[in-house]
Amino acid sequence: MKVSTSIQRGANYLYVKFGEVVTAIEQVAVVKGLPMWEVERQLKSGLRKRLIVSARALMPIQEATA
């Protein structure tokens, strides 16, 4: 079951729990009415790790306007 959110596949977001930038892969579930997304974060060693997180924990990255 898909729930419409403002999260876009392939876009970068700030994952507030870690304070790191992650890339949204796809919505994988709905838990208690909240969409859960599979996201990927890049570790310092160059490895990538996938996590399942709530859409509520993802914040859009504000582009700096100079």
Protein backbone atom coordinates (compact mmCIF):
# COMPACT_ATOMS: atom_id res chain seq x y z
CA MET A 1 0.00 0.00 0.00
CA LYS A 2 1.47 3.31 -1.07
CA VAL A 3 0.82 6.56 0.81
CA SER A 4 1.46 9.77 -1.07
CA THR A 5 4.23 11.89 0.43
CA SER A 6 6.50 14.61 -0.81
CA ILE A 7 9.48 12.21 -0.81
CA GLN A 8 10.81 11.69 -4.34
CA ARG A 9 12.71 8.63 -5.52
CA GLY A 10 16.38 9.35 -6.19
CA ALA A 11 16.37 12.70 -4.37
CA ASN A 12 18.74 13.55 -1.51
CA TYR A 13 17.40 14.23 1.99
CA LEU A 14 18.80 14.92 5.42
CA TYR A 15 18.18 11.98 7.76
CA VAL A 16 17.62 13.78 11.05
CA LYS A 17 18.60 10.87 13.33
CA PHE A 18 22.18 10.71 11.99
CA GLY A 19 22.41 14.23 10.55
CA GLU A 20 23.65 12.77 7.25
CA VAL A 21 22.56 13.07 3.65
CA VAL A 22 20.80 10.01 2.25
CA THR A 23 19.29 9.14 -1.14
CA ALA A 24 15.69 7.88 -1.25
CA ILE A 25 15.43 4.54 -3.07
CA GLU A 26 11.76 3.51 -2.77
CA GLN A 27 8.81 3.31 -0.41
CA VAL A 28 8.74 -0.20 1.02
CA ALA A 29 5.96 -0.27 3.62
CA VAL A 30 3.40 1.63 5.66
CA VAL A 31 3.60 1.28 9.44
CA LYS A 32 0.79 2.82 11.52
CA GLY A 33 -0.10 5.08 8.62
CA LEU A 34 3.47 6.35 8.13
CA PRO A 35 5.28 5.55 4.89
CA MET A 36 8.61 3.79 5.36
CA TRP A 37 11.36 4.43 2.81
CA GLU A 38 14.47 2.51 1.89
CA VAL A 39 17.32 5.00 1.79
CA GLU A 40 21.02 4.71 1.04
CA ARG A 41 23.80 6.56 2.80
CA GLN A 42 27.44 6.75 1.83
CA LEU A 43 29.98 5.86 4.48
CA LYS A 44 33.37 7.57 4.67
CA SER A 45 35.10 4.46 3.35
CA GLY A 46 33.11 4.69 0.11
CA LEU A 47 30.75 1.87 1.06
CA ARG A 48 27.01 2.38 0.88
CA LYS A 49 24.53 1.24 3.49
CA ARG A 50 20.78 0.89 3.04
CA LEU A 51 18.33 1.66 5.84
CA ILE A 52 14.55 1.60 6.26
CA VAL A 53 13.35 4.89 7.78
CA SER A 54 10.12 6.77 8.31
CA ALA A 55 9.31 9.53 5.82
CA ARG A 56 8.90 11.79 8.85
CA ALA A 57 12.64 11.43 9.59
CA LEU A 58 13.62 12.77 6.14
CA MET A 59 13.97 16.50 5.59
CA PRO A 60 14.51 18.12 2.20
CA ILE A 61 17.93 19.66 1.75
CA GLN A 62 17.74 23.43 1.39
CA GLU A 63 19.77 24.64 -1.55
CA ALA A 64 21.91 27.64 -0.65
CA THR A 65 21.12 30.73 -2.70
CA ALA A 66 24.15 32.96 -2.88
